[in-house]
Protein backbone atom coordinates (compact mmCIF):
# COMPACT_ATOMS: atom_id res chain seq x y z
CA UNK A 1 -9.07 26.93 -16.99
CA UNK A 2 -8.57 25.59 -20.75
CA UNK A 3 -7.70 21.90 -20.18
CA UNK A 4 -9.78 19.52 -19.60
CA UNK A 5 -9.20 16.79 -16.99
CA UNK A 6 -10.65 13.14 -17.01
CA UNK A 7 -9.90 12.98 -13.00
CA UNK A 8 -9.61 15.20 -10.90
CA UNK A 9 -8.68 14.22 -7.37
CA UNK A 10 -9.30 15.91 -4.15
CA UNK A 11 -6.71 15.87 -1.74
CA UNK A 12 -2.82 15.06 -2.06
CA UNK A 13 -2.34 12.00 0.74
CA UNK A 14 -1.20 8.55 0.40
CA UNK A 15 -4.68 8.16 -1.10
CA UNK A 16 -4.81 10.51 -3.33
CA UNK A 17 -1.79 10.58 -5.25
CA UNK A 18 -1.36 6.75 -5.61
CA UNK A 19 -4.76 7.42 -7.36
CA UNK A 20 -3.76 9.85 -9.42
CA UNK A 21 -0.58 7.90 -10.30
CA UNK A 22 -2.59 5.30 -11.44
CA UNK A 23 -4.79 6.65 -13.40
CA UNK A 24 -1.96 8.69 -15.25
CA UNK A 25 -0.33 5.24 -16.06
CA UNK A 26 -3.37 3.92 -17.65
CA UNK A 27 -3.54 6.99 -19.85
CA UNK A 28 -5.84 9.34 -18.00
CA UNK A 29 -5.36 13.32 -17.75
CA UNK A 30 -5.43 14.23 -14.32
CA UNK A 31 -5.21 16.73 -11.88
CA UNK A 32 -4.93 16.61 -7.94
CA UNK A 33 -5.72 19.50 -5.80
CA UNK A 34 -4.04 19.78 -2.97
CA UNK A 35 -4.31 22.95 -0.16
CA UNK A 36 -1.38 22.22 2.33
CA UNK A 37 1.08 24.40 2.93
CA UNK A 38 4.63 23.42 4.94
CA UNK A 39 6.39 26.80 6.42
CA UNK A 40 4.33 28.13 4.07
CA UNK A 41 5.10 26.56 0.89
CA UNK A 42 2.85 23.94 -1.08
CA UNK A 43 3.58 20.64 0.06
CA UNK A 44 2.43 17.04 -0.94
CA UNK A 45 1.14 13.87 1.01
CA UNK A 46 -1.24 14.92 3.14
CA UNK A 47 -1.01 14.25 6.87
CA UNK A 48 1.07 11.12 6.43
CA UNK A 49 3.97 12.36 5.14
CA UNK A 50 3.96 15.63 6.32
CA UNK A 51 2.23 15.49 10.11
CA UNK A 52 1.93 12.23 10.73
CA UNK A 53 3.20 9.05 9.84
CA UNK A 54 6.94 9.81 8.02
CA UNK A 55 8.13 12.75 11.05
CA UNK A 56 6.47 10.60 14.00
CA UNK A 57 8.35 7.88 12.78
CA UNK A 58 11.55 9.88 12.28
CA UNK A 59 11.11 11.01 16.01
CA UNK A 60 10.94 7.48 17.08
CA UNK A 61 13.97 5.94 15.45
CA UNK A 62 15.90 8.89 16.48
CA UNK A 63 15.10 8.96 20.00
CA UNK A 64 15.32 5.13 19.83
CA UNK A 65 18.75 5.36 18.97
CA UNK A 66 19.23 8.11 21.62
CA UNK A 67 18.25 6.00 24.34
CA UNK A 68 20.09 2.90 23.00
CA UNK A 69 23.44 4.52 23.05
CA UNK A 70 22.84 5.75 26.91
CA UNK A 71 21.52 2.23 28.26
CA UNK A 72 21.86 -0.81 25.59
CA UNK A 73 25.47 -0.49 24.38
CA UNK A 74 27.22 -1.25 27.09
CA UNK A 75 25.86 -4.83 27.10
CA UNK A 76 27.77 -5.13 23.85
CA UNK A 77 30.68 -4.11 25.15
CA UNK A 78 30.69 -0.52 23.49
CA UNK A 79 31.31 2.08 26.05
CA UNK A 80 30.78 6.02 25.29
CA UNK A 81 31.48 9.14 26.99
CA UNK A 82 28.98 11.64 27.95
CA UNK A 83 25.78 11.08 25.46
CA UNK A 84 24.25 14.22 24.74
CA UNK A 85 20.72 15.75 22.95
CA UNK A 86 20.63 18.12 20.13
CA UNK A 87 17.22 18.14 20.72
CA UNK A 88 17.40 20.84 17.38
CA UNK A 89 19.25 18.90 15.26
CA UNK A 90 16.92 16.10 15.74
CA UNK A 91 14.26 17.93 14.55
CA UNK A 92 15.93 19.52 11.82
CA UNK A 93 16.61 15.49 10.46
CA UNK A 94 13.00 14.91 10.70
CA UNK A 95 12.02 17.75 8.83
CA UNK A 96 14.49 17.03 6.18
CA UNK A 97 13.04 13.17 5.87
CA UNK A 98 10.05 15.07 5.64
CA UNK A 99 11.27 17.66 2.73
CA UNK A 100 12.46 14.51 0.75
CA UNK A 101 9.67 12.86 0.69
CA UNK A 102 6.82 15.32 -0.29
CA UNK A 103 9.10 16.42 -3.07
CA UNK A 104 9.70 12.77 -3.93
CA UNK A 105 5.70 12.49 -4.39
CA UNK A 106 6.03 16.27 -6.04
CA UNK A 107 8.51 14.99 -8.87
CA UNK A 108 6.76 11.72 -8.80
CA UNK A 109 3.41 13.96 -10.17
CA UNK A 110 5.41 15.62 -12.63
CA UNK A 111 7.16 12.75 -14.40
CA UNK A 112 3.46 11.26 -14.49
CA UNK A 113 2.16 14.30 -16.38
CA UNK A 114 -0.41 15.17 -13.12
CA UNK A 115 -1.19 18.97 -12.93
CA UNK A 116 -0.86 19.46 -9.48
CA UNK A 117 -3.55 22.29 -8.49
CA UNK A 118 -2.44 24.20 -5.26
CA UNK A 119 -5.24 25.43 -3.44
CA UNK A 120 -9.07 23.99 -2.34
CA UNK A 121 -11.57 21.93 -4.34
CA UNK A 122 -14.91 21.48 -3.44
CA UNK A 123 -17.28 19.47 -5.35
CA UNK A 124 -20.42 20.60 -6.97
CA UNK A 125 -23.54 20.02 -8.32
CA UNK A 126 -23.31 17.97 -11.91
CA UNK A 127 -19.94 16.72 -10.66
CA UNK A 128 -17.83 19.61 -11.01
CA UNK A 129 -15.04 20.72 -9.16
CA UNK A 130 -14.59 24.30 -7.66
CA UNK A 131 -10.78 25.18 -7.51
CA UNK A 132 -9.44 28.00 -5.78
CA UNK A 133 -5.81 28.28 -5.80
CA UNK A 134 -4.00 30.12 -3.17
CA UNK A 135 -2.91 32.41 -5.97
CA UNK A 136 -5.17 33.44 -8.46
CA UNK A 137 -9.03 33.46 -9.39
CA UNK A 138 -11.94 30.80 -9.09
CA UNK A 139 -12.11 28.08 -11.42
CA UNK A 140 -14.65 25.53 -12.27
CA UNK A 141 -13.43 22.16 -13.75
CA UNK A 142 -15.70 19.59 -15.45
CA UNK A 143 -13.80 16.21 -15.17
CA UNK A 144 -15.24 13.12 -16.21
CA UNK A 145 -14.74 11.65 -12.75
CA UNK A 146 -13.91 12.84 -9.16
CA UNK A 147 -12.22 10.89 -6.37
CA UNK A 148 -12.62 12.39 -2.96
CA UNK A 149 -9.29 12.35 -0.57
CA UNK A 150 -9.43 15.02 1.91
CA UNK A 151 -8.35 12.61 5.23
CA UNK A 152 -8.86 13.52 8.56
CA UNK A 153 -7.83 15.72 11.32
CA UNK A 154 -7.21 15.45 15.06
CA UNK A 155 -10.47 15.26 17.01
CA UNK A 156 -10.66 18.57 20.21
CA UNK A 157 -12.09 17.97 23.55
CA UNK A 158 -13.96 20.33 25.44
CA UNK A 159 -11.88 19.61 28.46
CA UNK A 160 -8.37 19.89 26.89
CA UNK A 161 -8.40 23.18 24.25
CA UNK A 162 -5.80 22.91 21.83
CA UNK A 163 -3.33 26.15 21.83
CA UNK A 164 -0.55 24.63 20.44
CA UNK A 165 1.58 25.90 23.34
CA UNK A 166 1.24 24.00 25.96
CA UNK A 167 -1.91 21.91 25.25
CA UNK A 168 -1.02 20.43 21.49
CA UNK A 169 -2.17 18.03 19.18
CA UNK A 170 -0.46 15.28 17.30
CA UNK A 171 1.15 17.87 15.24
CA UNK A 172 2.14 20.30 17.81
CA UNK A 173 3.59 17.62 19.65
CA UNK A 174 6.19 16.49 16.92
CA UNK A 175 7.98 19.90 17.34
CA UNK A 176 8.37 21.08 20.96
CA UNK A 177 11.41 23.69 21.42
CA UNK A 178 12.68 21.26 24.00
CA UNK A 179 12.01 18.28 26.01
CA UNK A 180 9.22 18.83 28.64
CA UNK A 181 9.93 17.44 32.08
CA UNK A 182 6.23 16.19 32.68
CA UNK A 183 4.11 15.16 29.88
CA UNK A 184 1.14 14.25 29.94
CA UNK A 185 -1.12 12.69 26.95
CA UNK A 186 -4.34 11.96 26.68
CA UNK A 187 -5.26 8.99 25.16
CA UNK A 188 -3.57 5.38 24.95
CA UNK A 189 -4.42 4.94 21.05
CA UNK A 190 -1.66 4.32 18.52
CA UNK A 191 -0.79 8.01 18.29
CA UNK A 192 -0.55 8.55 22.61
CA UNK A 193 1.68 5.48 22.50
CA UNK A 194 4.02 6.46 20.19
CA UNK A 195 4.47 10.12 20.97
CA UNK A 196 4.46 9.58 24.42
CA UNK A 197 7.45 6.47 24.03
CA UNK A 198 9.31 9.51 21.60
CA UNK A 199 9.33 11.98 24.16
CA UNK A 200 10.24 9.83 27.14
CA UNK A 201 13.11 8.51 25.49
CA UNK A 202 14.31 11.73 25.06
CA UNK A 203 13.90 12.40 28.95
CA UNK A 204 10.30 13.32 29.86
CA UNK A 205 8.34 12.02 32.75
CA UNK A 206 5.27 10.46 30.41
CA UNK A 207 1.65 9.94 32.19
CA UNK A 208 -0.82 8.61 29.71
CA UNK A 209 -4.68 9.29 30.05
CA UNK A 210 -6.93 6.57 28.90
CA UNK A 211 -10.76 6.72 29.87
CA UNK A 212 -11.50 3.56 28.59
CA UNK A 213 -11.32 0.41 31.24
CA UNK A 214 -9.38 -1.63 29.24
CA UNK A 215 -6.03 -0.94 27.06
CA UNK A 216 -6.11 -1.46 23.17
CA UNK A 217 -9.30 -3.54 24.00
CA UNK A 218 -9.36 -3.44 19.63
CA UNK A 219 -5.96 -5.95 19.93
CA UNK A 220 -5.62 -9.20 21.10
CA UNK A 221 -5.83 -9.68 24.96
CA UNK A 222 -2.49 -11.22 24.84
CA UNK A 223 -1.30 -8.88 23.24
CA UNK A 224 -2.39 -5.78 24.69
CA UNK A 225 -1.26 -7.51 27.96
CA UNK A 226 2.28 -8.35 27.10
CA UNK A 227 2.36 -5.01 25.18
CA UNK A 228 1.21 -2.98 28.62
CA UNK A 229 3.85 -4.69 30.66
CA UNK A 230 6.50 -3.93 28.44
CA UNK A 231 5.81 -0.09 27.81
CA UNK A 232 5.00 -0.29 31.62
CA UNK A 233 8.74 -1.51 32.31
CA UNK A 234 9.89 1.10 29.97
CA UNK A 235 8.74 3.72 32.25
CA UNK A 236 5.65 4.66 30.30
CA UNK A 237 2.87 5.61 33.23
CA UNK A 238 -0.37 4.67 31.21
CA UNK A 239 -3.26 5.23 33.69
CA UNK A 240 -6.68 2.83 32.61
CA UNK A 241 -9.68 3.93 33.31
CA UNK A 242 -8.73 7.62 33.76
CA UNK A 243 -11.12 10.55 32.36
CA UNK A 244 -9.85 13.65 31.76
CA UNK A 245 -12.66 16.12 33.29
CA UNK A 246 -10.59 19.46 32.98
CA UNK A 247 -7.94 21.17 31.96
CA UNK A 248 -6.25 24.81 33.47
CA UNK A 249 -3.69 26.23 31.88
CA UNK A 250 -1.28 28.93 34.27
CA UNK A 251 1.86 29.97 32.03
CA UNK A 252 3.80 27.28 30.96
CA UNK A 253 1.73 24.60 32.91
CA UNK A 254 -1.68 22.67 32.71
CA UNK A 255 -3.17 21.36 35.78
CA UNK A 256 -5.16 18.30 34.55
CA UNK A 257 -8.76 17.44 36.50
CA UNK A 258 -9.04 13.50 36.16
CA UNK A 259 -10.77 10.78 37.98
CA UNK A 260 -10.34 7.35 38.26
CA UNK A 261 -11.53 4.65 40.42
CA UNK A 262 -14.15 7.23 41.55
CA UNK A 263 -11.43 9.40 42.95
CA UNK A 264 -10.98 12.67 41.87
CA UNK A 265 -7.14 13.50 41.47
CA UNK A 266 -4.97 16.49 39.81
CA UNK A 267 -1.54 16.23 38.39
CA UNK A 268 0.50 19.23 36.89
CA UNK A 269 2.61 19.42 33.49
CA UNK A 270 4.45 21.70 31.21
CA UNK A 271 2.97 19.77 28.02
CA UNK A 272 -0.39 18.29 27.51
CA UNK A 273 -0.89 15.76 24.11
CA UNK A 274 -4.37 15.22 23.07
CA UNK A 275 -4.15 12.24 21.54
CA UNK A 276 -8.30 11.01 21.13
CA UNK A 277 -8.68 9.94 17.78
CA UNK A 278 -9.19 11.61 13.85
CA UNK A 279 -12.08 12.95 12.11
CA UNK A 280 -12.82 13.06 8.68
CA UNK A 281 -11.99 16.46 6.95
CA UNK A 282 -14.77 17.25 4.98
CA UNK A 283 -15.00 20.98 6.04
CA UNK A 284 -15.86 23.34 2.63
CA UNK A 285 -15.21 19.88 0.35
CA UNK A 286 -19.03 19.36 -0.63
CA UNK A 287 -21.38 22.04 -1.51
CA UNK A 288 -25.12 21.54 -0.34
CA UNK A 289 -26.25 20.06 -4.03
CA UNK A 290 -23.49 18.20 -4.58
CA UNK A 291 -25.62 14.75 -3.76
CA UNK A 292 -23.18 12.89 -1.99
CA UNK A 293 -24.52 11.39 0.89
CA UNK A 294 -22.98 10.80 4.44
CA UNK A 295 -23.08 8.71 7.43
CA UNK A 296 -24.33 9.43 10.99
CA UNK A 297 -20.86 9.69 12.10
CA UNK A 298 -20.17 12.25 8.59
CA UNK A 299 -18.18 10.34 6.46
CA UNK A 300 -19.14 10.14 2.93
CA UNK A 301 -21.10 6.87 2.31
CA UNK A 302 -19.55 4.41 -0.18
CA UNK A 303 -19.97 0.59 -1.38
CA UNK A 304 -17.34 -1.75 -1.04
CA UNK A 305 -15.68 -0.47 -4.17
CA UNK A 306 -15.67 2.93 -2.69
CA UNK A 307 -18.44 4.75 -5.60
CA UNK A 308 -20.43 7.43 -3.65
CA UNK A 309 -24.12 7.82 -4.08
CA UNK A 310 -23.35 10.09 -7.49
CA UNK A 311 -22.23 8.47 -10.04
CA UNK A 312 -18.27 8.71 -11.37
CA UNK A 313 -17.68 10.12 -7.64
CA UNK A 314 -15.36 7.42 -5.26
CA UNK A 315 -14.39 9.04 -1.86
CA UNK A 316 -11.41 6.90 0.03
CA UNK A 317 -9.47 6.57 3.11
CA UNK A 318 -10.27 8.51 6.22
CA UNK A 319 -13.44 10.01 4.48
CA UNK A 320 -14.98 6.69 4.10
CA UNK A 321 -15.80 4.02 6.90
CA UNK A 322 -12.91 0.97 8.15
CA UNK A 323 -9.68 2.10 10.23
CA UNK A 324 -8.07 5.59 9.36
CA UNK A 325 -5.22 4.29 8.05
CA UNK A 326 -2.83 5.32 5.25
CA UNK A 327 -2.38 1.81 3.79
CA UNK A 328 -5.77 1.25 3.16
CA UNK A 329 -6.38 4.84 1.57
CA UNK A 330 -3.59 4.02 -0.57
CA UNK A 331 -5.38 0.62 -2.05
CA UNK A 332 -8.56 2.30 -2.18
CA UNK A 333 -7.63 4.93 -4.56
CA UNK A 334 -5.94 2.64 -6.72
CA UNK A 335 -8.92 0.25 -6.61
CA UNK A 336 -11.27 3.44 -7.52
CA UNK A 337 -9.22 4.07 -10.03
CA UNK A 338 -8.98 0.24 -11.55
CA UNK A 339 -12.98 0.23 -11.26
CA UNK A 340 -12.85 3.80 -13.45
CA UNK A 341 -10.80 1.72 -15.60
CA UNK A 342 -13.16 -0.95 -16.16
CA UNK A 343 -11.12 -3.32 -14.14
CA UNK A 344 -12.54 -5.83 -11.29
CA UNK A 345 -10.41 -4.03 -8.46
CA UNK A 346 -11.30 -5.13 -4.79
CA UNK A 347 -9.86 -4.64 -1.32
CA UNK A 348 -9.58 -7.35 1.22
CA UNK A 349 -10.38 -5.56 4.45
CA UNK A 350 -10.02 -8.83 6.34
CA UNK A 351 -6.00 -8.42 5.85
CA UNK A 352 -5.51 -4.22 6.92
CA UNK A 353 -2.70 -4.30 9.13
CA UNK A 354 -2.83 -2.22 12.74
CA UNK A 355 0.90 -1.73 13.69
CA UNK A 356 2.23 0.67 16.63
CA UNK A 357 5.53 1.84 16.03
CA UNK A 358 6.90 2.06 19.57
CA UNK A 359 10.32 -0.41 19.85
CA UNK A 360 8.79 -3.12 20.33
CA UNK A 361 6.69 -3.25 17.84
CA UNK A 362 2.90 -3.88 18.27
CA UNK A 363 1.30 -5.65 15.24
CA UNK A 364 -1.91 -7.41 13.99
CA UNK A 365 -4.16 -8.75 11.15
CA UNK A 366 -7.09 -10.64 10.82
CA UNK A 367 -9.60 -11.83 13.68
CA UNK A 368 -8.26 -11.63 17.71
CA UNK A 369 -9.20 -14.93 19.55
CA UNK A 370 -11.97 -13.10 21.07
CA UNK A 371 -13.08 -11.85 18.20
CA UNK A 372 -13.39 -15.47 16.55
CA UNK A 373 -15.04 -17.24 19.71
CA UNK A 374 -17.75 -14.69 18.98
CA UNK A 375 -17.76 -15.19 15.38
CA UNK A 376 -18.79 -18.86 16.12
CA UNK A 377 -15.17 -20.18 15.29
CA UNK A 378 -13.91 -23.55 16.91
CA UNK A 379 -10.85 -21.67 17.77
CA UNK A 380 -7.59 -23.01 18.61
CA UNK A 381 -4.14 -20.63 19.01
CA UNK A 382 -0.84 -20.83 19.51
CA UNK A 383 2.15 -18.38 20.64
CA UNK A 384 5.69 -18.24 21.35
CA UNK A 385 8.03 -16.24 22.35
CA UNK A 386 11.57 -13.89 21.26
CA UNK A 387 13.02 -14.92 24.29
CA UNK A 388 14.28 -18.61 23.05
CA UNK A 389 14.50 -17.22 19.55
CA UNK A 390 18.29 -17.19 18.68
CA UNK A 391 18.64 -14.58 16.08
CA UNK A 392 16.68 -12.65 19.58
CA UNK A 393 19.20 -13.53 22.18
CA UNK A 394 21.99 -12.49 20.06
CA UNK A 395 20.51 -8.84 19.23
CA UNK A 396 18.78 -8.37 22.51
CA UNK A 397 15.92 -8.25 21.56
CA UNK A 398 13.98 -10.83 23.53
CA UNK A 399 10.73 -9.44 24.63
CA UNK A 400 7.32 -10.28 22.97
CA UNK A 401 5.58 -12.98 21.39
CA UNK A 402 3.94 -14.26 18.18
CA UNK A 403 0.60 -15.30 18.33
CA UNK A 404 -2.05 -17.29 15.66
CA UNK A 405 -5.52 -17.92 15.93
CA UNK A 406 -7.37 -20.78 13.85
CA UNK A 407 -10.13 -22.35 13.13
CA UNK A 408 -9.76 -26.08 14.71
CA UNK A 409 -12.23 -27.55 12.36
CA UNK A 410 -10.44 -26.42 9.28
CA UNK A 411 -7.10 -25.52 10.46
CA UNK A 412 -7.51 -22.25 8.64
CA UNK A 413 -5.37 -19.18 9.74
CA UNK A 414 -7.80 -16.28 11.28
CA UNK A 415 -5.21 -13.86 12.63
CA UNK A 416 -1.62 -12.97 13.61
CA UNK A 417 -0.41 -11.12 16.58
CA UNK A 418 3.17 -9.65 17.20
CA UNK A 419 4.73 -7.76 19.83
CA UNK A 420 8.47 -7.88 19.45
CA UNK A 421 11.23 -6.96 17.36
CA UNK A 422 10.15 -6.14 13.55
CA UNK A 423 6.33 -6.78 14.56
CA UNK A 424 5.65 -4.35 11.49
CA UNK A 425 7.45 -6.22 9.04
CA UNK A 426 7.30 -10.07 10.48
CA UNK A 427 2.94 -9.41 10.61
CA UNK A 428 3.02 -9.39 6.58
CA UNK A 429 3.78 -13.21 6.45
CA UNK A 430 0.31 -13.42 8.39
CA UNK A 431 -1.01 -11.19 6.12
CA UNK A 432 0.10 -12.91 2.95
CA UNK A 433 -1.27 -16.30 4.68
CA UNK A 434 -4.51 -14.94 5.33
CA UNK A 435 -4.89 -13.48 1.69
CA UNK A 436 -3.88 -16.77 0.16
CA UNK A 437 -6.78 -18.21 2.75
CA UNK A 438 -3.89 -20.53 4.48
CA UNK A 439 -3.91 -23.05 7.08
CA UNK A 440 -1.64 -23.35 9.97
CA UNK A 441 0.05 -26.61 8.49
CA UNK A 442 1.11 -24.63 5.23
CA UNK A 443 3.50 -22.43 7.81
CA UNK A 444 4.14 -25.32 9.46
CA UNK A 445 5.58 -27.50 6.58
CA UNK A 446 7.72 -23.81 5.31
CA UNK A 447 11.15 -23.31 5.90
CA UNK A 448 12.17 -20.39 7.80
CA UNK A 449 16.06 -19.15 7.60
CA UNK A 450 18.01 -19.49 11.04
CA UNK A 451 18.72 -17.67 12.67
CA UNK A 452 15.96 -15.35 12.04
CA UNK A 453 13.43 -13.57 14.17
CA UNK A 454 10.79 -15.08 11.87
CA UNK A 455 11.73 -18.61 13.15
CA UNK A 456 9.10 -17.59 15.87
CA UNK A 457 6.68 -17.17 13.32
CA UNK A 458 7.44 -20.99 12.41
CA UNK A 459 7.36 -21.90 15.81
CA UNK A 460 4.38 -20.25 16.79
CA UNK A 461 2.46 -22.07 14.41
CA UNK A 462 3.66 -25.50 14.99
CA UNK A 463 2.58 -24.07 18.89
CA UNK A 464 -1.03 -24.13 17.89
CA UNK A 465 -1.08 -27.74 17.50
CA UNK A 466 1.24 -28.37 20.53
CA UNK A 467 4.47 -29.10 18.39
CA UNK A 468 6.89 -26.15 18.82
CA UNK A 469 10.50 -27.47 18.62
CA UNK A 470 12.17 -25.11 20.97
CA UNK A 471 9.33 -25.11 24.00
CA UNK A 472 7.90 -27.80 25.96
CA UNK A 473 4.37 -28.59 25.10
CA UNK A 474 1.72 -31.03 25.07
CA UNK A 475 1.33 -32.29 21.52
CA UNK A 476 -2.99 -31.44 20.64
CA UNK A 477 -4.65 -34.58 20.12
């Protein structure tokens, strides 16, 4: 290739393309290598835009509207006729959203004069990059800097081999040709709960198998308990401590053999989704002599600024330590570029938000009450329900609560936990407060608009000190 690049990004997901754009803004000559083909055509945006965050949220929103039309509108005095589902149109809308966003990213690259190299990239010794296009001959690039951003793929398990027909992974679960009557889901994590919720709303009888003995152990116990109760009430059957031992496909059915409470059990499903996590995707990414150190888990070893063991090479997102979240990858990509440019950029990993986009949503940031106590904090906590919030009552969105965790000695906020309407947006108020090392009193003294869901944030902050107005509490001394 005749032109010389200052920076080559391998991977066009959220972390990769944002890094490329920021570098171009700073005046670097940039190439972004992305090999993904969607329906046979090159597509930017990685897992998130193509087969992850975006299509799943489109299905979540569509399925929620379908369920709400069937069961909630009557409470508002709205009577409809027979409600029918056109699944193919619903899936087509999802595909259209994906095409709009991936096409938009491609235009952003073009508008920033970023070269989109369609094919695979491999880091060689001496910081060179081997580029193999979908069509054409292999080329060797010699950039000054490289950012590795190849993302992750679903984890497969031997007891449930994915065939993308009867047993599918998270990608296959986005495009069922018909609503399965009986649907099994292995894994009660974020992806399993979201996909299980989509198909339950559309008419499936859903059973979720969780091998662990607790539900959402990474979340605050109060949140996980309330969230479990809400999902169960909706009809999502979650079997805790249920370990899948084997599966057997017979035609268009799959028999799941599992153990729970010391008993061996079986159940038959029309479809089975395997959602047991994701792993870094580094296949063909690194030559043996590239010089990149890996961790015991197969992740690329990096420092706090995402620099690898090779000077001038950075790795971000799902390839490195920390949660596998698109927004984490985005910030790491920008940070890496800023570091290359000599800026003192940093990602605050203590304020990275987690969200489950069911309805209601669940979201949290910072420390759980349990983790804060384990770290030696003198903990005080308070929570307030949406059930007595005026805006929530008017909207018919009364499930859940907002909870704050704080240090009793300094009044410093340590964590925020939300299950309820607009939790994915509300939790950002806690993130900003944590970022600015706010106290509980800071939130207590703020004026929140009325009537809003966010008033529950104010009341939750007041409740930490026993001062909630719309609940009878004993004031803390």
